[in-house]
Amino acid sequence: MNKIDVSIVVPLYNKENEIRRCLNSLIEQSVSNIEIIVVDDGSKDGRRIRSVLL
């Protein structure tokens, strides 16, 4: 398993329209071996986040 260089925590609450752009921006950064943790605090906008391993 690769060593994680950077961990990023993204708090999420009712941001269904913005989360895709946010995650894409994080993935496109020049840092390799990043860990992105999305924490949903009971959103009511219908979006469900699933764990994704890239």
C-alpha atoms as a PDB file:
ATOM      1  CA  MET A   1       0.000   0.000   0.000  1.00  0.00           C
ATOM      2  CA  ASN A   2       1.257   3.490  -0.896  1.00  0.00           C
ATOM      3  CA  LYS A   3       2.097   6.005   1.797  1.00  0.00           C
ATOM      4  CA  ILE A   4      -0.458   8.815   2.009  1.00  0.00           C
ATOM      5  CA  ASP A   5       1.232  12.200   1.630  1.00  0.00           C
ATOM      6  CA  VAL A   6      -1.800  14.417   2.286  1.00  0.00           C
ATOM      7  CA  SER A   7      -5.182  13.853   3.941  1.00  0.00           C
ATOM      8  CA  ILE A   8      -8.030  16.242   3.122  1.00  0.00           C
ATOM      9  CA  VAL A   9     -11.287  16.354   5.079  1.00  0.00           C
ATOM     10  CA  VAL A  10     -14.266  17.857   3.248  1.00  0.00           C
ATOM     11  CA  PRO A  11     -17.253  18.710   5.474  1.00  0.00           C
ATOM     12  CA  LEU A  12     -20.507  18.365   3.537  1.00  0.00           C
ATOM     13  CA  TYR A  13     -23.991  19.584   4.339  1.00  0.00           C
ATOM     14  CA  ASN A  14     -26.601  20.114   1.611  1.00  0.00           C
ATOM     15  CA  LYS A  15     -24.014  20.696  -1.129  1.00  0.00           C
ATOM     16  CA  GLU A  16     -25.261  18.270  -3.757  1.00  0.00           C
ATOM     17  CA  ASN A  17     -24.609  20.773  -6.560  1.00  0.00           C
ATOM     18  CA  GLU A  18     -21.037  21.596  -5.516  1.00  0.00           C
ATOM     19  CA  ILE A  19     -19.492  18.315  -4.321  1.00  0.00           C
ATOM     20  CA  ARG A  20     -18.570  16.921  -7.748  1.00  0.00           C
ATOM     21  CA  ARG A  21     -16.652  20.085  -8.697  1.00  0.00           C
ATOM     22  CA  CYS A  22     -14.924  20.130  -5.305  1.00  0.00           C
ATOM     23  CA  LEU A  23     -13.799  16.497  -5.500  1.00  0.00           C
ATOM     24  CA  ASN A  24     -12.662  16.831  -9.116  1.00  0.00           C
ATOM     25  CA  SER A  25     -10.578  19.851  -8.158  1.00  0.00           C
ATOM     26  CA  LEU A  26      -8.938  17.952  -5.298  1.00  0.00           C
ATOM     27  CA  ILE A  27      -8.179  14.936  -7.490  1.00  0.00           C
ATOM     28  CA  GLU A  28      -6.560  17.139 -10.150  1.00  0.00           C
ATOM     29  CA  GLN A  29      -4.013  18.661  -7.752  1.00  0.00           C
ATOM     30  CA  SER A  30      -0.328  18.030  -8.368  1.00  0.00           C
ATOM     31  CA  VAL A  31       0.124  16.169  -5.067  1.00  0.00           C
ATOM     32  CA  SER A  32       0.069  12.416  -5.473  1.00  0.00           C
ATOM     33  CA  ASN A  33      -1.036   9.873  -2.897  1.00  0.00           C
ATOM     34  CA  ILE A  34      -3.852  11.890  -1.368  1.00  0.00           C
ATOM     35  CA  GLU A  35      -6.622  10.707   0.892  1.00  0.00           C
ATOM     36  CA  ILE A  36      -9.960  12.531   0.624  1.00  0.00           C
ATOM     37  CA  ILE A  37     -12.443  12.058   3.443  1.00  0.00           C
ATOM     38  CA  VAL A  38     -15.960  13.429   2.890  1.00  0.00           C
ATOM     39  CA  VAL A  39     -18.004  13.860   6.060  1.00  0.00           C
ATOM     40  CA  ASP A  40     -21.748  14.310   5.480  1.00  0.00           C
ATOM     41  CA  ASP A  41     -23.506  15.779   8.500  1.00  0.00           C
ATOM     42  CA  GLY A  42     -27.051  14.613   7.755  1.00  0.00           C
ATOM     43  CA  SER A  43     -27.701  16.383   4.463  1.00  0.00           C
ATOM     44  CA  LYS A  44     -31.307  16.679   3.421  1.00  0.00           C
ATOM     45  CA  ASP A  45     -30.729  17.398  -0.277  1.00  0.00           C
ATOM     46  CA  GLY A  46     -31.047  13.792  -1.402  1.00  0.00           C
ATOM     47  CA  ARG A  47     -27.365  13.138  -2.075  1.00  0.00           C
ATOM     48  CA  ARG A  48     -25.749   9.992  -0.746  1.00  0.00           C
ATOM     49  CA  ILE A  49     -21.985   9.724  -0.769  1.00  0.00           C
ATOM     50  CA  ARG A  50     -20.425   6.328  -1.359  1.00  0.00           C
ATOM     51  CA  SER A  51     -16.878   5.354  -0.566  1.00  0.00           C
ATOM     52  CA  VAL A  52     -14.735   5.387  -3.660  1.00  0.00           C
ATOM     53  CA  LEU A  53     -11.193   4.123  -3.919  1.00  0.00           C
ATOM     54  CA  LEU A  54      -9.262   5.673  -6.805  1.00  0.00           C
END
